[in-house]
Amino acid sequence: MTVAGDNTEMNWPLTNDPLATRGFEMMAKKTNTGGRIQLKLVRSAICAPQKQKLVIKGLGFTRLNQVIERPDTAAIRGMVAKVPHLIEVVE
């Protein structure tokens, strides 16, 4: 939304605080497999909340230390952002 006479654009991040983008470094990693991302389950979801267990199941993990490959889409990256303490992006 712009105000009359206001030609400024909003840029990301909205603050100059380097900690404001802390959760996005992991999401910025790109793989060289042409639109694919490799994920590894590094911690068990046993004590995780039910919603996080469903995210792990939705990604397709069935075993600990399992490496899976998924398309590099916004939906998959959003799921990865919900459980960054349980999975890691493999390069």
PDB file of N, CA and C in Angstrom:
ATOM      1  N   MET A   1       0.844  -1.173   0.000  1.00  0.00           N
ATOM      2  CA  MET A   1       0.000   0.000   0.000  1.00  0.00           C
ATOM      3  C   MET A   1       0.883   1.228   0.000  1.00  0.00           C
ATOM      4  N   THR A   2       0.615   2.132  -0.890  1.00  0.00           N
ATOM      5  CA  THR A   2       1.393   3.360  -0.957  1.00  0.00           C
ATOM      6  C   THR A   2       0.507   4.534  -0.611  1.00  0.00           C
ATOM      7  N   VAL A   3       1.119   5.534  -0.037  1.00  0.00           N
ATOM      8  CA  VAL A   3       0.432   6.765   0.314  1.00  0.00           C
ATOM      9  C   VAL A   3       0.757   7.775  -0.779  1.00  0.00           C
ATOM     10  N   ALA A   4      -0.155   8.677  -1.040  1.00  0.00           N
ATOM     11  CA  ALA A   4       0.062   9.669  -2.082  1.00  0.00           C
ATOM     12  C   ALA A   4       1.366  10.419  -1.809  1.00  0.00           C
ATOM     13  N   GLY A   5       2.253  10.432  -2.797  1.00  0.00           N
ATOM     14  CA  GLY A   5       3.527  11.123  -2.652  1.00  0.00           C
ATOM     15  C   GLY A   5       4.616  10.267  -2.039  1.00  0.00           C
ATOM     16  N   ASP A   6       4.299   9.025  -1.674  1.00  0.00           N
ATOM     17  CA  ASP A   6       5.279   8.135  -1.067  1.00  0.00           C
ATOM     18  C   ASP A   6       5.745   7.133  -2.115  1.00  0.00           C
ATOM     19  N   ASN A   7       6.977   7.263  -2.559  1.00  0.00           N
ATOM     20  CA  ASN A   7       7.502   6.391  -3.597  1.00  0.00           C
ATOM     21  C   ASN A   7       8.465   5.350  -3.044  1.00  0.00           C
ATOM     22  N   THR A   8       8.467   5.127  -1.754  1.00  0.00           N
ATOM     23  CA  THR A   8       9.394   4.168  -1.175  1.00  0.00           C
ATOM     24  C   THR A   8       8.831   2.766  -1.318  1.00  0.00           C
ATOM     25  N   GLU A   9       9.704   1.811  -1.541  1.00  0.00           N
ATOM     26  CA  GLU A   9       9.302   0.412  -1.639  1.00  0.00           C
ATOM     27  C   GLU A   9       9.797  -0.322  -0.408  1.00  0.00           C
ATOM     28  N   MET A  10       9.050  -1.323  -0.001  1.00  0.00           N
ATOM     29  CA  MET A  10       9.450  -2.106   1.162  1.00  0.00           C
ATOM     30  C   MET A  10      10.374  -3.220   0.701  1.00  0.00           C
ATOM     31  N   ASN A  11      11.555  -3.289   1.273  1.00  0.00           N
ATOM     32  CA  ASN A  11      12.519  -4.323   0.945  1.00  0.00           C
ATOM     33  C   ASN A  11      12.631  -5.301   2.098  1.00  0.00           C
ATOM     34  N   TRP A  12      12.946  -6.540   1.780  1.00  0.00           N
ATOM     35  CA  TRP A  12      13.144  -7.562   2.799  1.00  0.00           C
ATOM     36  C   TRP A  12      14.599  -7.615   3.165  1.00  0.00           C
ATOM     37  N   PRO A  13      15.034  -7.707   4.379  1.00  0.00           N
ATOM     38  CA  PRO A  13      14.232  -7.661   5.591  1.00  0.00           C
ATOM     39  C   PRO A  13      13.819  -6.237   5.924  1.00  0.00           C
ATOM     40  N   LEU A  14      12.763  -6.131   6.677  1.00  0.00           N
ATOM     41  CA  LEU A  14      12.234  -4.816   7.000  1.00  0.00           C
ATOM     42  C   LEU A  14      13.086  -4.095   8.029  1.00  0.00           C
ATOM     43  N   THR A  15      13.939  -4.817   8.725  1.00  0.00           N
ATOM     44  CA  THR A  15      14.829  -4.208   9.701  1.00  0.00           C
ATOM     45  C   THR A  15      16.270  -4.404   9.257  1.00  0.00           C
ATOM     46  N   ASN A  16      17.167  -3.686   9.871  1.00  0.00           N
ATOM     47  CA  ASN A  16      18.593  -3.850   9.585  1.00  0.00           C
ATOM     48  C   ASN A  16      19.236  -4.844  10.534  1.00  0.00           C
ATOM     49  N   ASP A  17      18.431  -5.503  11.342  1.00  0.00           N
ATOM     50  CA  ASP A  17      18.931  -6.461  12.313  1.00  0.00           C
ATOM     51  C   ASP A  17      19.333  -7.752  11.604  1.00  0.00           C
ATOM     52  N   PRO A  18      20.608  -8.186  11.726  1.00  0.00           N
ATOM     53  CA  PRO A  18      21.012  -9.424  11.046  1.00  0.00           C
ATOM     54  C   PRO A  18      20.346 -10.662  11.627  1.00  0.00           C
ATOM     55  N   LEU A  19      19.848 -10.583  12.855  1.00  0.00           N
ATOM     56  CA  LEU A  19      19.187 -11.736  13.463  1.00  0.00           C
ATOM     57  C   LEU A  19      17.752 -11.899  12.962  1.00  0.00           C
ATOM     58  N   ALA A  20      17.245 -10.918  12.251  1.00  0.00           N
ATOM     59  CA  ALA A  20      15.874 -10.995  11.761  1.00  0.00           C
ATOM     60  C   ALA A  20      15.732 -12.040  10.665  1.00  0.00           C
ATOM     61  N   THR A  21      16.834 -12.388  10.009  1.00  0.00           N
ATOM     62  CA  THR A  21      16.783 -13.367   8.924  1.00  0.00           C
ATOM     63  C   THR A  21      17.374 -14.696   9.347  1.00  0.00           C
ATOM     64  N   ARG A  22      17.428 -14.962  10.645  1.00  0.00           N
ATOM     65  CA  ARG A  22      18.117 -16.136  11.165  1.00  0.00           C
ATOM     66  C   ARG A  22      17.562 -17.450  10.633  1.00  0.00           C
ATOM     67  N   GLY A  23      16.276 -17.592  10.480  1.00  0.00           N
ATOM     68  CA  GLY A  23      15.704 -18.857  10.057  1.00  0.00           C
ATOM     69  C   GLY A  23      15.805 -19.108   8.563  1.00  0.00           C
ATOM     70  N   PHE A  24      16.307 -18.125   7.821  1.00  0.00           N
ATOM     71  CA  PHE A  24      16.295 -18.252   6.375  1.00  0.00           C
ATOM     72  C   PHE A  24      17.618 -18.704   5.781  1.00  0.00           C
ATOM     73  N   GLU A  25      18.702 -18.844   6.593  1.00  0.00           N
ATOM     74  CA  GLU A  25      19.955 -19.315   6.021  1.00  0.00           C
ATOM     75  C   GLU A  25      19.808 -20.737   5.530  1.00  0.00           C
ATOM     76  N   MET A  26      19.129 -21.575   6.307  1.00  0.00           N
ATOM     77  CA  MET A  26      18.957 -22.960   5.910  1.00  0.00           C
ATOM     78  C   MET A  26      18.123 -23.037   4.627  1.00  0.00           C
ATOM     79  N   MET A  27      17.146 -22.166   4.499  1.00  0.00           N
ATOM     80  CA  MET A  27      16.298 -22.198   3.327  1.00  0.00           C
ATOM     81  C   MET A  27      17.029 -21.656   2.104  1.00  0.00           C
ATOM     82  N   ALA A  28      18.119 -20.914   2.307  1.00  0.00           N
ATOM     83  CA  ALA A  28      18.822 -20.325   1.180  1.00  0.00           C
ATOM     84  C   ALA A  28      19.765 -21.318   0.504  1.00  0.00           C
ATOM     85  N   LYS A  29      20.035 -22.461   1.135  1.00  0.00           N
ATOM     86  CA  LYS A  29      20.933 -23.438   0.532  1.00  0.00           C
ATOM     87  C   LYS A  29      20.271 -24.049  -0.700  1.00  0.00           C
ATOM     88  N   LYS A  30      20.979 -24.036  -1.788  1.00  0.00           N
ATOM     89  CA  LYS A  30      20.470 -24.613  -3.026  1.00  0.00           C
ATOM     90  C   LYS A  30      21.284 -25.855  -3.368  1.00  0.00           C
ATOM     91  N   THR A  31      20.633 -26.798  -3.967  1.00  0.00           N
ATOM     92  CA  THR A  31      21.320 -27.996  -4.410  1.00  0.00           C
ATOM     93  C   THR A  31      21.601 -27.882  -5.894  1.00  0.00           C
ATOM     94  N   ASN A  32      22.556 -28.652  -6.370  1.00  0.00           N
ATOM     95  CA  ASN A  32      22.919 -28.588  -7.773  1.00  0.00           C
ATOM     96  C   ASN A  32      22.231 -29.681  -8.583  1.00  0.00           C
ATOM     97  N   THR A  33      21.123 -30.207  -8.100  1.00  0.00           N
ATOM     98  CA  THR A  33      20.437 -31.288  -8.798  1.00  0.00           C
ATOM     99  C   THR A  33      19.244 -30.772  -9.600  1.00  0.00           C
ATOM    100  N   GLY A  34      19.222 -29.493  -9.921  1.00  0.00           N
ATOM    101  CA  GLY A  34      18.182 -28.962 -10.800  1.00  0.00           C
ATOM    102  C   GLY A  34      16.796 -28.955 -10.194  1.00  0.00           C
ATOM    103  N   GLY A  35      16.563 -28.171  -9.166  1.00  0.00           N
ATOM    104  CA  GLY A  35      15.243 -28.058  -8.593  1.00  0.00           C
ATOM    105  C   GLY A  35      14.878 -29.156  -7.614  1.00  0.00           C
ATOM    106  N   ARG A  36      15.851 -29.871  -7.096  1.00  0.00           N
ATOM    107  CA  ARG A  36      15.606 -30.921  -6.104  1.00  0.00           C
ATOM    108  C   ARG A  36      16.356 -30.560  -4.826  1.00  0.00           C
ATOM    109  N   ILE A  37      15.837 -31.002  -3.697  1.00  0.00           N
ATOM    110  CA  ILE A  37      16.458 -30.744  -2.408  1.00  0.00           C
ATOM    111  C   ILE A  37      16.549 -32.071  -1.657  1.00  0.00           C
ATOM    112  N   GLN A  38      17.693 -32.323  -1.046  1.00  0.00           N
ATOM    113  CA  GLN A  38      17.882 -33.548  -0.270  1.00  0.00           C
ATOM    114  C   GLN A  38      17.762 -33.216   1.207  1.00  0.00           C
ATOM    115  N   LEU A  39      16.960 -33.997   1.915  1.00  0.00           N
ATOM    116  CA  LEU A  39      16.706 -33.787   3.333  1.00  0.00           C
ATOM    117  C   LEU A  39      17.070 -35.040   4.109  1.00  0.00           C
ATOM    118  N   LYS A  40      17.541 -34.850   5.343  1.00  0.00           N
ATOM    119  CA  LYS A  40      17.914 -35.974   6.197  1.00  0.00           C
ATOM    120  C   LYS A  40      17.264 -35.794   7.565  1.00  0.00           C
ATOM    121  N   LEU A  41      16.626 -36.853   8.054  1.00  0.00           N
ATOM    122  CA  LEU A  41      16.019 -36.843   9.379  1.00  0.00           C
ATOM    123  C   LEU A  41      17.103 -37.143  10.397  1.00  0.00           C
ATOM    124  N   VAL A  42      17.436 -36.172  11.247  1.00  0.00           N
ATOM    125  CA  VAL A  42      18.557 -36.340  12.179  1.00  0.00           C
ATOM    126  C   VAL A  42      18.109 -36.534  13.623  1.00  0.00           C
ATOM    127  N   ARG A  43      16.860 -36.200  13.945  1.00  0.00           N
ATOM    128  CA  ARG A  43      16.348 -36.415  15.298  1.00  0.00           C
ATOM    129  C   ARG A  43      14.980 -37.059  15.217  1.00  0.00           C
ATOM    130  N   SER A  44      14.677 -37.848  16.217  1.00  0.00           N
ATOM    131  CA  SER A  44      13.401 -38.548  16.249  1.00  0.00           C
ATOM    132  C   SER A  44      12.266 -37.573  16.548  1.00  0.00           C
ATOM    133  N   ALA A  45      11.107 -37.882  16.037  1.00  0.00           N
ATOM    134  CA  ALA A  45       9.918 -37.064  16.267  1.00  0.00           C
ATOM    135  C   ALA A  45       9.045 -37.638  17.379  1.00  0.00           C
ATOM    136  N   ILE A  46       9.598 -38.532  18.187  1.00  0.00           N
ATOM    137  CA  ILE A  46       8.799 -39.184  19.229  1.00  0.00           C
ATOM    138  C   ILE A  46       8.236 -38.165  20.219  1.00  0.00           C
ATOM    139  N   CYS A  47       9.053 -37.261  20.713  1.00  0.00           N
ATOM    140  CA  CYS A  47       8.588 -36.284  21.706  1.00  0.00           C
ATOM    141  C   CYS A  47       8.145 -34.974  21.071  1.00  0.00           C
ATOM    142  N   ALA A  48       8.055 -34.932  19.766  1.00  0.00           N
ATOM    143  CA  ALA A  48       7.623 -33.718  19.072  1.00  0.00           C
ATOM    144  C   ALA A  48       6.099 -33.617  19.122  1.00  0.00           C
ATOM    145  N   PRO A  49       5.574 -32.400  19.021  1.00  0.00           N
ATOM    146  CA  PRO A  49       4.121 -32.245  18.966  1.00  0.00           C
ATOM    147  C   PRO A  49       3.521 -32.952  17.752  1.00  0.00           C
ATOM    148  N   GLN A  50       2.256 -33.245  17.815  1.00  0.00           N
ATOM    149  CA  GLN A  50       1.579 -34.005  16.763  1.00  0.00           C
ATOM    150  C   GLN A  50       1.681 -33.322  15.399  1.00  0.00           C
ATOM    151  N   LYS A  51       1.586 -32.000  15.370  1.00  0.00           N
ATOM    152  CA  LYS A  51       1.680 -31.281  14.097  1.00  0.00           C
ATOM    153  C   LYS A  51       3.046 -31.478  13.452  1.00  0.00           C
ATOM    154  N   GLN A  52       4.103 -31.499  14.263  1.00  0.00           N
ATOM    155  CA  GLN A  52       5.437 -31.713  13.712  1.00  0.00           C
ATOM    156  C   GLN A  52       5.610 -33.147  13.233  1.00  0.00           C
ATOM    157  N   LYS A  53       4.989 -34.100  13.918  1.00  0.00           N
ATOM    158  CA  LYS A  53       5.029 -35.486  13.451  1.00  0.00           C
ATOM    159  C   LYS A  53       4.354 -35.618  12.094  1.00  0.00           C
ATOM    160  N   LEU A  54       3.260 -34.890  11.897  1.00  0.00           N
ATOM    161  CA  LEU A  54       2.555 -34.932  10.623  1.00  0.00           C
ATOM    162  C   LEU A  54       3.375 -34.297   9.505  1.00  0.00           C
ATOM    163  N   VAL A  55       4.163 -33.270   9.834  1.00  0.00           N
ATOM    164  CA  VAL A  55       5.029 -32.659   8.830  1.00  0.00           C
ATOM    165  C   VAL A  55       6.106 -33.649   8.404  1.00  0.00           C
ATOM    166  N   ILE A  56       6.701 -34.346   9.379  1.00  0.00           N
ATOM    167  CA  ILE A  56       7.730 -35.349   9.072  1.00  0.00           C
ATOM    168  C   ILE A  56       7.134 -36.460   8.200  1.00  0.00           C
ATOM    169  N   LYS A  57       5.935 -36.894   8.543  1.00  0.00           N
ATOM    170  CA  LYS A  57       5.273 -37.935   7.759  1.00  0.00           C
ATOM    171  C   LYS A  57       4.917 -37.416   6.365  1.00  0.00           C
ATOM    172  N   GLY A  58       4.491 -36.170   6.288  1.00  0.00           N
ATOM    173  CA  GLY A  58       4.147 -35.578   5.002  1.00  0.00           C
ATOM    174  C   GLY A  58       5.340 -35.426   4.075  1.00  0.00           C
ATOM    175  N   LEU A  59       6.506 -35.206   4.656  1.00  0.00           N
ATOM    176  CA  LEU A  59       7.720 -35.127   3.841  1.00  0.00           C
ATOM    177  C   LEU A  59       8.128 -36.504   3.322  1.00  0.00           C
ATOM    178  N   GLY A  60       7.673 -37.564   3.993  1.00  0.00           N
ATOM    179  CA  GLY A  60       7.959 -38.914   3.535  1.00  0.00           C
ATOM    180  C   GLY A  60       9.015 -39.652   4.322  1.00  0.00           C
ATOM    181  N   PHE A  61       9.380 -39.137   5.494  1.00  0.00           N
ATOM    182  CA  PHE A  61      10.374 -39.826   6.308  1.00  0.00           C
ATOM    183  C   PHE A  61       9.738 -41.020   7.007  1.00  0.00           C
ATOM    184  N   THR A  62      10.472 -42.131   7.051  1.00  0.00           N
ATOM    185  CA  THR A  62      10.022 -43.311   7.777  1.00  0.00           C
ATOM    186  C   THR A  62      11.059 -43.803   8.778  1.00  0.00           C
ATOM    187  N   ARG A  63      12.336 -43.446   8.585  1.00  0.00           N
ATOM    188  CA  ARG A  63      13.411 -43.914   9.470  1.00  0.00           C
ATOM    189  C   ARG A  63      14.338 -42.771   9.833  1.00  0.00           C
ATOM    190  N   LEU A  64      15.019 -42.928  10.955  1.00  0.00           N
ATOM    191  CA  LEU A  64      16.035 -41.978  11.383  1.00  0.00           C
ATOM    192  C   LEU A  64      17.239 -42.079  10.455  1.00  0.00           C
ATOM    193  N   ASN A  65      17.891 -40.986  10.183  1.00  0.00           N
ATOM    194  CA  ASN A  65      19.045 -40.869   9.280  1.00  0.00           C
ATOM    195  C   ASN A  65      18.698 -41.192   7.826  1.00  0.00           C
ATOM    196  N   GLN A  66      17.437 -41.192   7.502  1.00  0.00           N
ATOM    197  CA  GLN A  66      17.012 -41.430   6.128  1.00  0.00           C
ATOM    198  C   GLN A  66      17.211 -40.155   5.312  1.00  0.00           C
ATOM    199  N   VAL A  67      17.734 -40.288   4.108  1.00  0.00           N
ATOM    200  CA  VAL A  67      17.911 -39.162   3.196  1.00  0.00           C
ATOM    201  C   VAL A  67      16.884 -39.303   2.077  1.00  0.00           C
ATOM    202  N   ILE A  68      16.100 -38.254   1.884  1.00  0.00           N
ATOM    203  CA  ILE A  68      15.092 -38.258   0.828  1.00  0.00           C
ATOM    204  C   ILE A  68      15.343 -37.070  -0.091  1.00  0.00           C
ATOM    205  N   GLU A  69      14.814 -37.151  -1.286  1.00  0.00           N
ATOM    206  CA  GLU A  69      14.946 -36.068  -2.250  1.00  0.00           C
ATOM    207  C   GLU A  69      13.554 -35.606  -2.647  1.00  0.00           C
ATOM    208  N   ARG A  70      13.321 -34.319  -2.532  1.00  0.00           N
ATOM    209  CA  ARG A  70      12.019 -33.737  -2.842  1.00  0.00           C
ATOM    210  C   ARG A  70      12.210 -32.574  -3.809  1.00  0.00           C
ATOM    211  N   PRO A  71      11.170 -32.179  -4.528  1.00  0.00           N
ATOM    212  CA  PRO A  71      11.284 -31.001  -5.397  1.00  0.00           C
ATOM    213  C   PRO A  71      11.508 -29.742  -4.555  1.00  0.00           C
ATOM    214  N   ASP A  72      12.293 -28.835  -5.077  1.00  0.00           N
ATOM    215  CA  ASP A  72      12.625 -27.612  -4.354  1.00  0.00           C
ATOM    216  C   ASP A  72      11.532 -26.578  -4.601  1.00  0.00           C
ATOM    217  N   THR A  73      10.426 -26.719  -3.871  1.00  0.00           N
ATOM    218  CA  THR A  73       9.290 -25.817  -4.025  1.00  0.00           C
ATOM    219  C   THR A  73       9.064 -25.058  -2.728  1.00  0.00           C
ATOM    220  N   ALA A  74       8.228 -24.050  -2.805  1.00  0.00           N
ATOM    221  CA  ALA A  74       7.926 -23.243  -1.622  1.00  0.00           C
ATOM    222  C   ALA A  74       7.200 -24.077  -0.565  1.00  0.00           C
ATOM    223  N   ALA A  75       6.374 -25.011  -0.984  1.00  0.00           N
ATOM    224  CA  ALA A  75       5.641 -25.852  -0.040  1.00  0.00           C
ATOM    225  C   ALA A  75       6.591 -26.740   0.758  1.00  0.00           C
ATOM    226  N   ILE A  76       7.555 -27.353   0.074  1.00  0.00           N
ATOM    227  CA  ILE A  76       8.523 -28.213   0.756  1.00  0.00           C
ATOM    228  C   ILE A  76       9.399 -27.383   1.677  1.00  0.00           C
ATOM    229  N   ARG A  77       9.842 -26.221   1.220  1.00  0.00           N
ATOM    230  CA  ARG A  77      10.682 -25.360   2.061  1.00  0.00           C
ATOM    231  C   ARG A  77       9.903 -24.855   3.281  1.00  0.00           C
ATOM    232  N   GLY A  78       8.605 -24.654   3.138  1.00  0.00           N
ATOM    233  CA  GLY A  78       7.786 -24.266   4.282  1.00  0.00           C
ATOM    234  C   GLY A  78       7.690 -25.382   5.305  1.00  0.00           C
ATOM    235  N   MET A  79       7.600 -26.619   4.827  1.00  0.00           N
ATOM    236  CA  MET A  79       7.569 -27.765   5.734  1.00  0.00           C
ATOM    237  C   MET A  79       8.914 -27.920   6.442  1.00  0.00           C
ATOM    238  N   VAL A  80      10.000 -27.693   5.706  1.00  0.00           N
ATOM    239  CA  VAL A  80      11.337 -27.764   6.298  1.00  0.00           C
ATOM    240  C   VAL A  80      11.486 -26.686   7.374  1.00  0.00           C
ATOM    241  N   ALA A  81      10.929 -25.518   7.133  1.00  0.00           N
ATOM    242  CA  ALA A  81      11.034 -24.425   8.096  1.00  0.00           C
ATOM    243  C   ALA A  81      10.260 -24.711   9.377  1.00  0.00           C
ATOM    244  N   LYS A  82       9.258 -25.590   9.324  1.00  0.00           N
ATOM    245  CA  LYS A  82       8.473 -25.923  10.515  1.00  0.00           C
ATOM    246  C   LYS A  82       9.214 -26.867  11.464  1.00  0.00           C
ATOM    247  N   VAL A  83      10.143 -27.667  10.932  1.00  0.00           N
ATOM    248  CA  VAL A  83      10.854 -28.644  11.762  1.00  0.00           C
ATOM    249  C   VAL A  83      12.374 -28.586  11.534  1.00  0.00           C
ATOM    250  N   PRO A  84      12.988 -27.401  11.631  1.00  0.00           N
ATOM    251  CA  PRO A  84      14.423 -27.325  11.349  1.00  0.00           C
ATOM    252  C   PRO A  84      15.284 -28.030  12.385  1.00  0.00           C
ATOM    253  N   HIS A  85      14.732 -28.284  13.573  1.00  0.00           N
ATOM    254  CA  HIS A  85      15.489 -28.960  14.622  1.00  0.00           C
ATOM    255  C   HIS A  85      15.477 -30.483  14.454  1.00  0.00           C
ATOM    256  N   LEU A  86      14.656 -30.995  13.560  1.00  0.00           N
ATOM    257  CA  LEU A  86      14.556 -32.433  13.347  1.00  0.00           C
ATOM    258  C   LEU A  86      15.214 -32.902  12.041  1.00  0.00           C
ATOM    259  N   ILE A  87      15.313 -32.017  11.074  1.00  0.00           N
ATOM    260  CA  ILE A  87      15.877 -32.405   9.788  1.00  0.00           C
ATOM    261  C   ILE A  87      16.982 -31.450   9.395  1.00  0.00           C
ATOM    262  N   GLU A  88      17.804 -31.861   8.440  1.00  0.00           N
ATOM    263  CA  GLU A  88      18.827 -30.978   7.902  1.00  0.00           C
ATOM    264  C   GLU A  88      18.847 -31.117   6.383  1.00  0.00           C
ATOM    265  N   VAL A  89      19.304 -30.049   5.732  1.00  0.00           N
ATOM    266  CA  VAL A  89      19.426 -30.047   4.290  1.00  0.00           C
ATOM    267  C   VAL A  89      20.792 -30.611   3.938  1.00  0.00           C
ATOM    268  N   VAL A  90      20.821 -31.668   3.119  1.00  0.00           N
ATOM    269  CA  VAL A  90      22.066 -32.307   2.703  1.00  0.00           C
ATOM    270  C   VAL A  90      22.512 -31.650   1.411  1.00  0.00           C
ATOM    271  N   GLU A  91      23.783 -31.323   1.321  1.00  0.00           N
ATOM    272  CA  GLU A  91      24.292 -30.686   0.096  1.00  0.00           C
ATOM    273  C   GLU A  91      24.729 -31.701  -0.916  1.00  0.00           C
TER     274      GLU A  91
END
